[in-house]
C-alpha atoms as a PDB file:
ATOM      1  CA  MET A   1      54.147 -48.013 122.178  1.00  0.00           C
ATOM      2  CA  ARG A   2      51.581 -48.678 119.592  1.00  0.00           C
ATOM      3  CA  ALA A   3      52.318 -48.866 115.858  1.00  0.00           C
ATOM      4  CA  SER A   4      50.412 -46.830 113.441  1.00  0.00           C
ATOM      5  CA  ARG A   5      47.888 -48.442 111.218  1.00  0.00           C
ATOM      6  CA  PRO A   6      49.714 -47.506 107.905  1.00  0.00           C
ATOM      7  CA  LEU A   7      53.032 -48.988 109.304  1.00  0.00           C
ATOM      8  CA  ALA A   8      51.243 -52.212 110.261  1.00  0.00           C
ATOM      9  CA  ALA A   9      49.717 -52.470 106.906  1.00  0.00           C
ATOM     10  CA  LEU A  10      53.059 -51.882 105.113  1.00  0.00           C
ATOM     11  CA  THR A  11      54.789 -54.373 107.363  1.00  0.00           C
ATOM     12  CA  GLY A  12      52.039 -57.018 106.626  1.00  0.00           C
ATOM     13  CA  PHE A  13      52.391 -56.446 102.756  1.00  0.00           C
ATOM     14  CA  ALA A  14      56.057 -56.594 102.964  1.00  0.00           C
ATOM     15  CA  LEU A  15      55.858 -60.039 104.814  1.00  0.00           C
ATOM     16  CA  LEU A  16      53.440 -61.388 102.387  1.00  0.00           C
ATOM     17  CA  GLY A  17      55.602 -60.419  99.334  1.00  0.00           C
ATOM     18  CA  ILE A  18      58.549 -62.355 101.041  1.00  0.00           C
ATOM     19  CA  ALA A  19      56.447 -65.352 101.589  1.00  0.00           C
ATOM     20  CA  LEU A  20      55.201 -65.407  98.179  1.00  0.00           C
ATOM     21  CA  THR A  21      58.583 -65.049  96.461  1.00  0.00           C
ATOM     22  CA  ALA A  22      59.893 -67.849  98.611  1.00  0.00           C
ATOM     23  CA  CYS A  23      57.370 -70.157  97.030  1.00  0.00           C
ATOM     24  CA  GLN A  24      58.208 -69.574  93.445  1.00  0.00           C
ATOM     25  CA  ASP A  25      57.915 -72.395  90.914  1.00  0.00           C
ATOM     26  CA  GLN A  26      60.444 -70.863  88.617  1.00  0.00           C
ATOM     27  CA  ALA A  27      64.281 -70.823  88.769  1.00  0.00           C
ATOM     28  CA  SER A  28      65.497 -67.260  88.304  1.00  0.00           C
ATOM     29  CA  GLY A  29      67.862 -66.922  85.422  1.00  0.00           C
ATOM     30  CA  GLN A  30      68.865 -68.732  82.307  1.00  0.00           C
ATOM     31  CA  ILE A  31      70.136 -72.150  81.209  1.00  0.00           C
ATOM     32  CA  VAL A  32      72.037 -71.921  77.877  1.00  0.00           C
ATOM     33  CA  VAL A  33      72.434 -74.974  75.732  1.00  0.00           C
ATOM     34  CA  ARG A  34      75.223 -75.221  73.063  1.00  0.00           C
ATOM     35  CA  ASN A  35      76.223 -77.628  70.389  1.00  0.00           C
ATOM     36  CA  ASN A  36      79.901 -77.191  69.899  1.00  0.00           C
ATOM     37  CA  GLY A  37      79.772 -73.337  70.791  1.00  0.00           C
ATOM     38  CA  ARG A  38      76.597 -72.652  68.784  1.00  0.00           C
ATOM     39  CA  VAL A  39      73.638 -71.715  70.960  1.00  0.00           C
ATOM     40  CA  VAL A  40      70.692 -74.076  70.223  1.00  0.00           C
ATOM     41  CA  GLN A  41      68.427 -73.361  73.156  1.00  0.00           C
ATOM     42  CA  THR A  42      68.032 -70.704  75.955  1.00  0.00           C
ATOM     43  CA  LEU A  43      65.654 -71.326  78.812  1.00  0.00           C
ATOM     44  CA  THR A  44      64.753 -68.216  80.797  1.00  0.00           C
ATOM     45  CA  ASN A  45      63.194 -68.690  84.378  1.00  0.00           C
ATOM     46  CA  PRO A  46      62.416 -72.382  83.718  1.00  0.00           C
ATOM     47  CA  SER A  47      59.956 -74.290  86.156  1.00  0.00           C
ATOM     48  CA  VAL A  48      61.818 -76.000  88.950  1.00  0.00           C
ATOM     49  CA  LYS A  49      59.298 -78.667  88.730  1.00  0.00           C
ATOM     50  CA  GLY A  50      59.616 -81.853  86.486  1.00  0.00           C
ATOM     51  CA  CYS A  51      61.915 -83.046  83.794  1.00  0.00           C
ATOM     52  CA  HIS A  52      62.994 -80.654  80.942  1.00  0.00           C
ATOM     53  CA  TRP A  53      64.064 -81.966  77.553  1.00  0.00           C
ATOM     54  CA  LEU A  54      67.197 -80.809  75.816  1.00  0.00           C
ATOM     55  CA  PRO A  55      68.029 -80.881  72.012  1.00  0.00           C
ATOM     56  CA  ARG A  56      69.798 -84.252  71.328  1.00  0.00           C
ATOM     57  CA  SER A  57      72.758 -82.112  70.142  1.00  0.00           C
ATOM     58  CA  ALA A  58      73.584 -80.635  73.586  1.00  0.00           C
ATOM     59  CA  THR A  59      77.231 -80.767  74.082  1.00  0.00           C
ATOM     60  CA  HIS A  60      77.568 -77.816  76.618  1.00  0.00           C
ATOM     61  CA  VAL A  61      75.117 -76.705  79.265  1.00  0.00           C
ATOM     62  CA  THR A  62      75.646 -73.418  81.330  1.00  0.00           C
ATOM     63  CA  ASN A  63      73.608 -72.849  84.492  1.00  0.00           C
ATOM     64  CA  GLN A  64      72.972 -69.214  84.966  1.00  0.00           C
ATOM     65  CA  THR A  65      70.042 -69.788  87.361  1.00  0.00           C
ATOM     66  CA  GLN A  66      69.979 -69.614  91.154  1.00  0.00           C
ATOM     67  CA  SER A  67      69.470 -73.425  91.509  1.00  0.00           C
ATOM     68  CA  SER A  68      71.588 -76.447  90.852  1.00  0.00           C
ATOM     69  CA  LEU A  69      70.705 -78.879  87.960  1.00  0.00           C
ATOM     70  CA  ARG A  70      71.028 -82.501  87.454  1.00  0.00           C
ATOM     71  CA  LEU A  71      71.998 -83.435  83.692  1.00  0.00           C
ATOM     72  CA  TYR A  72      71.005 -86.865  82.127  1.00  0.00           C
ATOM     73  CA  THR A  73      71.862 -88.484  79.009  1.00  0.00           C
ATOM     74  CA  THR A  74      68.291 -89.842  78.757  1.00  0.00           C
ATOM     75  CA  PRO A  75      65.370 -87.797  77.534  1.00  0.00           C
ATOM     76  CA  ASN A  76      63.295 -88.428  80.714  1.00  0.00           C
ATOM     77  CA  CYS A  77      65.502 -87.563  83.567  1.00  0.00           C
ATOM     78  CA  THR A  78      66.280 -91.266  84.381  1.00  0.00           C
ATOM     79  CA  VAL A  79      69.654 -92.867  85.066  1.00  0.00           C
ATOM     80  CA  PRO A  80      70.434 -95.678  82.753  1.00  0.00           C
ATOM     81  CA  ALA A  81      71.694 -99.014  84.065  1.00  0.00           C
ATOM     82  CA  GLY A  82      75.382 -98.397  85.174  1.00  0.00           C
ATOM     83  CA  GLY A  83      75.138 -94.817  84.561  1.00  0.00           C
ATOM     84  CA  ALA A  84      74.754 -91.621  86.559  1.00  0.00           C
ATOM     85  CA  TYR A  85      73.527 -88.117  86.380  1.00  0.00           C
ATOM     86  CA  ASN A  86      75.750 -85.097  86.446  1.00  0.00           C
ATOM     87  CA  PHE A  87      75.504 -82.351  89.056  1.00  0.00           C
ATOM     88  CA  LEU A  88      75.680 -78.796  87.627  1.00  0.00           C
ATOM     89  CA  ASP A  89      76.183 -76.245  90.342  1.00  0.00           C
ATOM     90  CA  ILE A  90      74.955 -72.561  90.151  1.00  0.00           C
ATOM     91  CA  GLY A  91      77.035 -70.551  87.699  1.00  0.00           C
ATOM     92  CA  ALA A  92      78.749 -73.513  86.273  1.00  0.00           C
ATOM     93  CA  THR A  93      79.250 -74.956  82.722  1.00  0.00           C
ATOM     94  CA  ASP A  94      79.387 -78.701  81.736  1.00  0.00           C
ATOM     95  CA  GLN A  95      80.619 -80.236  78.591  1.00  0.00           C
ATOM     96  CA  ALA A  96      79.411 -83.741  77.565  1.00  0.00           C
ATOM     97  CA  VAL A  97      82.048 -86.330  77.017  1.00  0.00           C
ATOM     98  CA  ARG A  98      81.985 -89.032  74.378  1.00  0.00           C
ATOM     99  CA  ALA A  99      82.241 -91.788  76.980  1.00  0.00           C
ATOM    100  CA  THR A 100      78.906 -90.821  78.602  1.00  0.00           C
ATOM    101  CA  GLY A 101      76.983 -89.188  75.570  1.00  0.00           C
ATOM    102  CA  LEU A 102      75.328 -85.967  74.903  1.00  0.00           C
ATOM    103  CA  TRP A 103      72.949 -84.348  77.541  1.00  0.00           C
ATOM    104  CA  ASN A 104      69.264 -84.944  76.706  1.00  0.00           C
ATOM    105  CA  SER A 105      67.339 -83.777  79.752  1.00  0.00           C
ATOM    106  CA  PHE A 106      67.671 -82.031  83.076  1.00  0.00           C
ATOM    107  CA  ASP A 107      65.864 -81.356  86.282  1.00  0.00           C
ATOM    108  CA  PHE A 108      66.439 -79.204  89.434  1.00  0.00           C
ATOM    109  CA  ALA A 109      68.343 -80.713  92.444  1.00  0.00           C
ATOM    110  CA  PRO A 110      66.458 -80.576  95.581  1.00  0.00           C
ATOM    111  CA  GLU A 111      67.666 -77.801  97.941  1.00  0.00           C
END
């Protein structure tokens, strides 16, 4: 049985749409940055590429995107000697502790 041309065209457009959304360069959702409960920055649909700077006063970070984050105490997404980054999963919130310092940058964890 042969498919009709309109059905074939519709199927082709649907497959193209699925392929294009799979290659997005943005994380869907928001990242909310707080300083002791006060919102200091909200990022909506941030790019999944590169390092993102946070205000020096970031004491809490909430990840409301569909991707996991890595939080750093440095401003350029590097791990200081003897330090580590902190993994922040989808839908989670993290509070900086005095022993490690405030969050200054983040990037997206590879999937």
